[in-house]
Structures are given as structure tokens and as C-alpha cells.
N, C-alpha and C. Protein backbone atom coordinates (compact mmCIF):
# COMPACT_ATOMS: atom_id res chain seq x y z
N MET A 1 0.36 -3.95 -21.93
CA MET A 1 1.43 -3.81 -22.51
C MET A 1 2.09 -2.35 -22.63
N ALA A 2 3.49 -2.67 -22.03
CA ALA A 2 4.48 -0.90 -21.90
C ALA A 2 4.12 -0.34 -23.03
N GLU A 3 3.80 0.70 -22.65
CA GLU A 3 3.95 1.71 -23.92
C GLU A 3 5.30 2.58 -24.28
N LYS A 4 5.10 2.55 -25.28
CA LYS A 4 6.72 2.90 -26.25
C LYS A 4 7.15 3.98 -25.87
N LEU A 5 8.26 4.30 -25.57
CA LEU A 5 9.12 5.39 -24.90
C LEU A 5 9.69 6.10 -26.55
N THR A 6 8.64 7.16 -26.46
CA THR A 6 8.97 8.09 -27.94
C THR A 6 9.62 8.56 -27.30
N PRO A 7 10.43 9.47 -28.50
CA PRO A 7 11.48 10.80 -27.99
C PRO A 7 10.89 11.67 -26.96
N GLU A 8 10.04 12.34 -27.73
CA GLU A 8 9.45 13.01 -26.43
C GLU A 8 9.36 12.97 -25.12
N VAL A 9 8.89 11.71 -24.63
CA VAL A 9 8.95 11.10 -23.49
C VAL A 9 10.32 11.44 -23.12
N HIS A 10 10.82 10.59 -24.02
CA HIS A 10 12.71 10.70 -22.93
C HIS A 10 13.14 11.84 -22.77
N ALA A 11 13.03 12.71 -23.59
CA ALA A 11 13.25 14.05 -23.59
C ALA A 11 12.74 14.59 -22.28
N ALA A 12 11.72 14.11 -21.76
CA ALA A 12 10.73 14.77 -20.61
C ALA A 12 11.47 14.39 -19.62
N TYR A 13 11.59 12.63 -19.41
CA TYR A 13 12.43 12.19 -18.85
C TYR A 13 13.83 12.67 -18.24
N GLU A 14 14.53 13.01 -19.56
CA GLU A 14 15.70 12.88 -19.27
C GLU A 14 16.06 14.88 -18.29
N ARG A 15 14.96 15.94 -19.13
CA ARG A 15 14.92 17.03 -18.21
C ARG A 15 14.38 16.75 -16.74
N ILE A 16 13.62 16.07 -16.15
CA ILE A 16 13.14 15.68 -14.79
C ILE A 16 14.16 15.13 -13.90
N HIS A 17 15.31 14.34 -15.12
CA HIS A 17 16.15 13.53 -14.13
C HIS A 17 17.12 14.53 -13.98
N ASP A 18 17.49 15.45 -14.44
CA ASP A 18 18.43 16.47 -14.29
C ASP A 18 17.84 17.85 -13.92
N SER A 19 17.01 17.95 -13.35
CA SER A 19 16.01 18.80 -12.56
C SER A 19 16.28 19.30 -10.80
N GLU A 20 16.75 20.46 -10.44
CA GLU A 20 16.77 20.15 -9.07
C GLU A 20 16.28 19.47 -8.51
N GLU A 21 15.02 19.84 -8.58
CA GLU A 21 13.80 19.04 -7.52
C GLU A 21 13.54 17.98 -7.62
N PHE A 22 14.40 17.16 -8.67
CA PHE A 22 14.20 15.63 -8.90
C PHE A 22 15.35 15.50 -7.51
N THR A 23 16.43 16.09 -7.99
CA THR A 23 17.87 16.07 -7.23
C THR A 23 16.88 16.13 -5.34
N GLN A 24 16.79 17.31 -4.72
CA GLN A 24 16.06 17.54 -4.32
C GLN A 24 14.79 15.96 -3.34
N LEU A 25 14.26 15.64 -4.57
CA LEU A 25 13.06 14.78 -4.11
C LEU A 25 14.50 13.58 -3.82
N ARG A 26 15.27 12.95 -4.67
CA ARG A 26 15.87 11.89 -4.45
C ARG A 26 17.03 12.29 -3.12
N ASN A 27 17.10 13.64 -2.56
CA ASN A 27 18.60 13.12 -1.71
C ASN A 27 17.05 13.36 -0.49
N ASN A 28 16.03 14.11 -0.81
CA ASN A 28 14.73 13.71 0.32
C ASN A 28 14.97 12.28 1.04
N TYR A 29 14.45 11.37 -0.24
CA TYR A 29 14.38 10.05 -0.23
C TYR A 29 15.42 9.56 1.31
N LEU A 30 16.94 9.33 0.40
CA LEU A 30 17.68 9.62 0.77
C LEU A 30 17.78 9.49 2.17
N ARG A 31 17.47 10.88 2.35
CA ARG A 31 17.81 11.24 4.09
C ARG A 31 17.37 10.30 5.24
N PHE A 32 15.86 10.23 4.93
CA PHE A 32 15.02 9.35 5.18
C PHE A 32 15.42 8.06 5.23
N VAL A 33 15.77 7.25 4.42
CA VAL A 33 16.00 6.05 3.97
C VAL A 33 16.92 5.18 4.52
N VAL A 34 18.41 5.63 4.38
CA VAL A 34 19.51 5.31 4.83
C VAL A 34 19.61 5.62 6.26
N PRO A 35 19.73 6.46 7.38
CA PRO A 35 19.42 6.35 8.57
C PRO A 35 18.64 5.35 8.90
N MET A 36 17.20 4.94 8.64
CA MET A 36 16.51 4.56 9.19
C MET A 36 16.57 2.87 8.43
N THR A 37 17.41 2.81 7.56
CA THR A 37 17.98 1.22 7.35
C THR A 37 19.18 0.64 8.07
N VAL A 38 19.95 2.01 8.32
CA VAL A 38 20.92 1.27 9.24
C VAL A 38 20.64 1.62 10.19
N GLY A 39 19.67 1.86 11.40
CA GLY A 39 19.52 2.00 12.51
C GLY A 39 18.85 0.71 12.86
N PHE A 40 17.62 0.39 11.61
CA PHE A 40 16.81 -0.98 11.65
C PHE A 40 17.77 -1.90 11.85
N MET A 41 18.68 -2.03 11.19
CA MET A 41 19.98 -3.01 10.70
C MET A 41 20.21 -3.48 12.12
N LEU A 42 21.05 -2.57 13.03
CA LEU A 42 21.39 -2.46 13.77
C LEU A 42 20.87 -2.93 15.18
N TRP A 43 19.76 -2.54 15.16
CA TRP A 43 18.69 -2.84 16.39
C TRP A 43 18.18 -4.81 15.74
N TYR A 44 18.15 -5.16 14.80
CA TYR A 44 17.88 -6.39 14.61
C TYR A 44 19.23 -7.17 14.69
N LEU A 45 20.41 -6.72 14.30
CA LEU A 45 21.72 -7.36 14.93
C LEU A 45 21.70 -7.43 15.79
N LEU A 46 21.22 -6.20 17.17
CA LEU A 46 21.37 -6.21 18.26
C LEU A 46 20.64 -7.55 18.98
N TYR A 47 19.51 -7.69 18.55
CA TYR A 47 18.73 -9.07 18.70
C TYR A 47 19.23 -10.31 18.65
N VAL A 48 19.87 -10.58 17.64
CA VAL A 48 20.38 -11.35 16.61
C VAL A 48 21.31 -11.63 18.02
N VAL A 49 22.43 -10.76 18.14
CA VAL A 49 23.58 -10.88 18.99
C VAL A 49 23.02 -11.53 20.63
N CYS A 50 22.42 -10.93 20.88
CA CYS A 50 21.87 -11.09 22.24
C CYS A 50 21.38 -12.80 22.27
N SER A 51 20.75 -13.00 21.12
CA SER A 51 20.04 -13.99 21.34
C SER A 51 20.96 -15.12 21.26
N ASN A 52 22.04 -14.80 20.54
CA ASN A 52 23.62 -16.20 20.16
C ASN A 52 24.62 -15.85 21.68
N TRP A 53 24.68 -14.76 22.14
CA TRP A 53 25.54 -14.51 22.66
C TRP A 53 25.07 -13.77 24.15
N ALA A 54 23.88 -13.91 24.41
CA ALA A 54 23.82 -13.54 26.20
C ALA A 54 21.95 -14.29 26.21
N PRO A 55 22.37 -15.60 26.54
CA PRO A 55 20.68 -16.14 26.39
C PRO A 55 20.62 -16.07 28.07
N GLY A 56 21.09 -15.89 28.57
CA GLY A 56 20.88 -15.16 30.18
C GLY A 56 20.21 -14.32 30.38
N LEU A 57 20.44 -13.21 29.50
CA LEU A 57 19.77 -12.03 29.11
C LEU A 57 18.78 -12.25 28.61
N MET A 58 18.35 -13.12 27.26
CA MET A 58 17.46 -13.03 26.69
C MET A 58 16.28 -14.10 27.43
N GLY A 59 16.97 -15.12 28.59
CA GLY A 59 16.27 -15.78 28.65
C GLY A 59 15.37 -15.22 30.26
N THR A 60 15.62 -14.25 30.67
CA THR A 60 15.55 -13.17 31.72
C THR A 60 13.78 -12.97 31.85
N GLN A 61 12.98 -13.58 32.75
CA GLN A 61 11.46 -13.11 32.53
C GLN A 61 11.23 -11.52 32.99
N VAL A 62 10.44 -11.53 32.33
CA VAL A 62 9.91 -10.43 32.63
C VAL A 62 8.87 -10.09 33.39
N PHE A 63 7.99 -11.04 33.16
CA PHE A 63 6.88 -10.70 33.96
C PHE A 63 5.67 -12.16 33.79
N GLY A 64 5.47 -13.24 34.54
CA GLY A 64 4.82 -14.36 33.99
C GLY A 64 5.80 -15.07 33.12
N THR A 65 5.11 -15.56 31.75
CA THR A 65 6.28 -16.48 31.07
C THR A 65 6.80 -15.75 29.81
N ILE A 66 6.98 -13.89 30.28
CA ILE A 66 7.15 -13.20 29.18
C ILE A 66 8.96 -13.20 29.46
N ASN A 67 9.36 -13.37 28.25
CA ASN A 67 10.72 -12.81 28.82
C ASN A 67 11.64 -12.06 27.63
N VAL A 68 12.58 -11.78 28.21
CA VAL A 68 13.05 -10.06 26.97
C VAL A 68 13.47 -10.85 25.95
N ALA A 69 13.63 -12.12 25.31
CA ALA A 69 13.32 -12.63 24.03
C ALA A 69 12.22 -12.13 22.78
N LEU A 70 10.96 -12.44 23.88
CA LEU A 70 9.85 -12.44 23.51
C LEU A 70 9.67 -10.94 23.17
N LEU A 71 10.10 -9.81 24.01
CA LEU A 71 9.90 -8.66 23.85
C LEU A 71 10.27 -8.41 22.82
N PHE A 72 11.88 -8.35 22.80
CA PHE A 72 12.65 -8.06 21.42
C PHE A 72 11.84 -8.57 20.37
N GLY A 73 11.84 -9.79 19.96
CA GLY A 73 10.68 -10.30 18.89
C GLY A 73 9.54 -9.04 18.68
N LEU A 74 8.74 -9.31 19.44
CA LEU A 74 7.68 -8.25 19.50
C LEU A 74 8.02 -7.01 19.20
N LEU A 75 8.95 -6.33 19.77
CA LEU A 75 9.40 -4.95 19.62
C LEU A 75 10.13 -4.67 17.89
N GLN A 76 10.48 -5.71 17.62
CA GLN A 76 10.93 -5.69 15.99
C GLN A 76 9.86 -5.44 15.24
N PHE A 77 8.59 -6.21 15.21
CA PHE A 77 7.34 -5.89 14.95
C PHE A 77 6.77 -4.50 15.06
N VAL A 78 6.76 -3.86 15.87
CA VAL A 78 6.68 -2.62 16.65
C VAL A 78 7.09 -1.45 15.70
N THR A 79 8.42 -1.78 15.50
CA THR A 79 9.50 -1.07 15.33
C THR A 79 9.49 -0.41 13.56
N THR A 80 8.76 -2.13 12.99
CA THR A 80 8.68 -2.07 11.59
C THR A 80 7.53 -1.23 11.30
N PHE A 81 6.26 -1.38 12.18
CA PHE A 81 4.54 -0.64 11.85
C PHE A 81 5.56 0.91 12.07
N GLY A 82 5.75 1.41 12.76
CA GLY A 82 6.33 2.74 13.19
C GLY A 82 7.07 3.22 12.39
N ILE A 83 8.04 2.39 11.54
CA ILE A 83 9.13 3.57 10.65
C ILE A 83 7.69 3.44 9.39
N ALA A 84 7.37 2.53 9.11
CA ALA A 84 6.04 2.61 8.36
C ALA A 84 5.72 3.88 8.27
N TRP A 85 5.18 4.18 9.41
CA TRP A 85 4.03 5.23 9.22
C TRP A 85 4.95 6.18 9.93
N VAL A 86 5.87 6.35 10.07
CA VAL A 86 6.88 7.71 10.09
C VAL A 86 6.88 8.06 8.51
N TYR A 87 7.37 7.09 8.29
CA TYR A 87 7.44 7.07 6.51
C TYR A 87 6.68 7.68 5.53
N ALA A 88 5.20 7.54 5.64
CA ALA A 88 4.25 7.85 5.40
C ALA A 88 4.05 8.97 5.82
N ARG A 89 4.38 9.48 6.90
CA ARG A 89 4.07 10.76 7.29
C ARG A 89 5.10 11.97 6.38
N TYR A 90 6.78 11.39 6.96
CA TYR A 90 7.80 11.91 6.33
C TYR A 90 7.32 12.67 4.79
N SER A 91 6.64 11.02 3.78
CA SER A 91 6.70 11.29 2.37
C SER A 91 5.78 11.72 1.86
N ALA A 92 4.93 12.14 2.94
CA ALA A 92 3.36 13.23 2.66
C ALA A 92 4.21 14.83 2.79
N ARG A 93 4.67 15.02 3.74
CA ARG A 93 5.48 16.16 4.15
C ARG A 93 6.58 16.68 3.15
N ALA A 94 7.42 15.64 2.34
CA ALA A 94 8.84 16.32 1.59
C ALA A 94 8.99 15.88 0.59
N MET A 95 8.28 14.91 0.40
CA MET A 95 8.29 13.95 -0.92
C MET A 95 7.28 14.05 -2.09
N ASP A 96 5.66 14.10 -1.45
CA ASP A 96 5.09 14.15 -2.26
C ASP A 96 4.83 15.14 -3.03
N PRO A 97 4.76 16.66 -2.70
CA PRO A 97 4.82 17.59 -3.09
C PRO A 97 5.28 17.91 -4.56
N ILE A 98 6.43 17.40 -3.85
CA ILE A 98 8.03 17.58 -5.63
C ILE A 98 7.49 16.67 -6.23
N ALA A 99 6.81 15.46 -5.87
CA ALA A 99 6.56 14.02 -6.97
C ALA A 99 5.69 14.52 -7.41
N ALA A 100 4.48 15.46 -7.14
CA ALA A 100 3.43 15.75 -8.00
C ALA A 100 3.63 16.97 -8.50
N ASP A 101 4.90 17.73 -8.02
CA ASP A 101 4.63 18.29 -9.58
C ASP A 101 6.16 18.33 -10.47
N LEU A 102 6.49 17.65 -10.27
CA LEU A 102 7.22 16.62 -11.13
C LEU A 102 6.51 15.69 -12.09
N LEU A 103 5.20 15.25 -11.69
CA LEU A 103 4.24 14.23 -12.34
C LEU A 103 3.37 15.29 -13.12
N ASP A 104 3.41 16.43 -12.74
CA ASP A 104 2.18 17.61 -13.50
C ASP A 104 3.13 18.28 -14.62
N ASP A 105 4.23 18.26 -14.21
CA ASP A 105 4.99 18.69 -15.50
C ASP A 105 5.54 18.27 -16.42
N PHE A 106 5.81 16.95 -16.26
CA PHE A 106 5.65 15.96 -16.99
C PHE A 106 4.34 15.15 -18.15
N GLU A 107 3.55 15.51 -17.52
CA GLU A 107 2.24 15.57 -18.10
C GLU A 107 1.75 16.49 -19.19
N ARG A 108 2.39 17.59 -18.75
CA ARG A 108 1.95 19.16 -19.59
C ARG A 108 3.11 18.98 -20.36
N GLU A 109 3.97 18.52 -20.28
CA GLU A 109 5.47 18.08 -21.27
C GLU A 109 4.91 17.18 -22.46
N VAL A 110 4.72 16.04 -22.08
CA VAL A 110 4.28 14.98 -23.31
C VAL A 110 2.72 14.98 -23.62
N GLY A 111 1.87 15.79 -22.94
CA GLY A 111 0.63 15.88 -23.40
C GLY A 111 0.09 15.13 -23.01
N ARG A 112 -0.47 14.53 -21.66
CA ARG A 112 -0.93 13.43 -21.37
C ARG A 112 -1.97 14.33 -20.44
């Protein structure tokens, strides 16, 4: 069951939300997520567009029975895992220390 939000906890949340550190944490998050999301969506859209309007290109044999469409599809998975790996590294470096400090401040403030 969820813990009741006491006035002390609410005040701590408000203080943290208004802090410069939280603003920096949010900006670091958005600085990574927005370009990666836009980039990946464009990469996926290229795959869809080529599949629909460039069947000759997508059907081009690369080697054996492997064609460009299959490589594009497999690269979508590779890209997804690559982005997750890069995000984990970025988060550990640019966001986790700030979040840990904010959590420590919160726990000290509310006595947990």
C-alpha cells in the first residue's frame, strides 16, 4: 500500500523539485533522450519508407539469401541495444550521481 504523503514529505518534494540540481538532472535526461528518440525514429522511418517505396533497394541481395531489408531489420535491433548501452553509461556518469545526492538530501530531510 502506498505511503501517505505527509506535509514534511510534500515540502521535501517541492524543495527538491525547485532545486538547481533537479533542474540539471532533468536537463541531462532530456539532452540525451530527445536527440536519441528523434534519431531512432528517423532511422526507423527510413526503414519503413524504403520498405514501401524502394522495394528494389530492399530486395538487393547482399550475400547468399541475405538482402538489404533483412540487414535493415537486424540493425534496428542492434541500434536499440546500442542506445540502451549508451544510455546506461551516460546515466551512470551524468545523472546517477545527481539523483543519489537528491535522494540522500530527501532521506535526511524527512528522517528516513
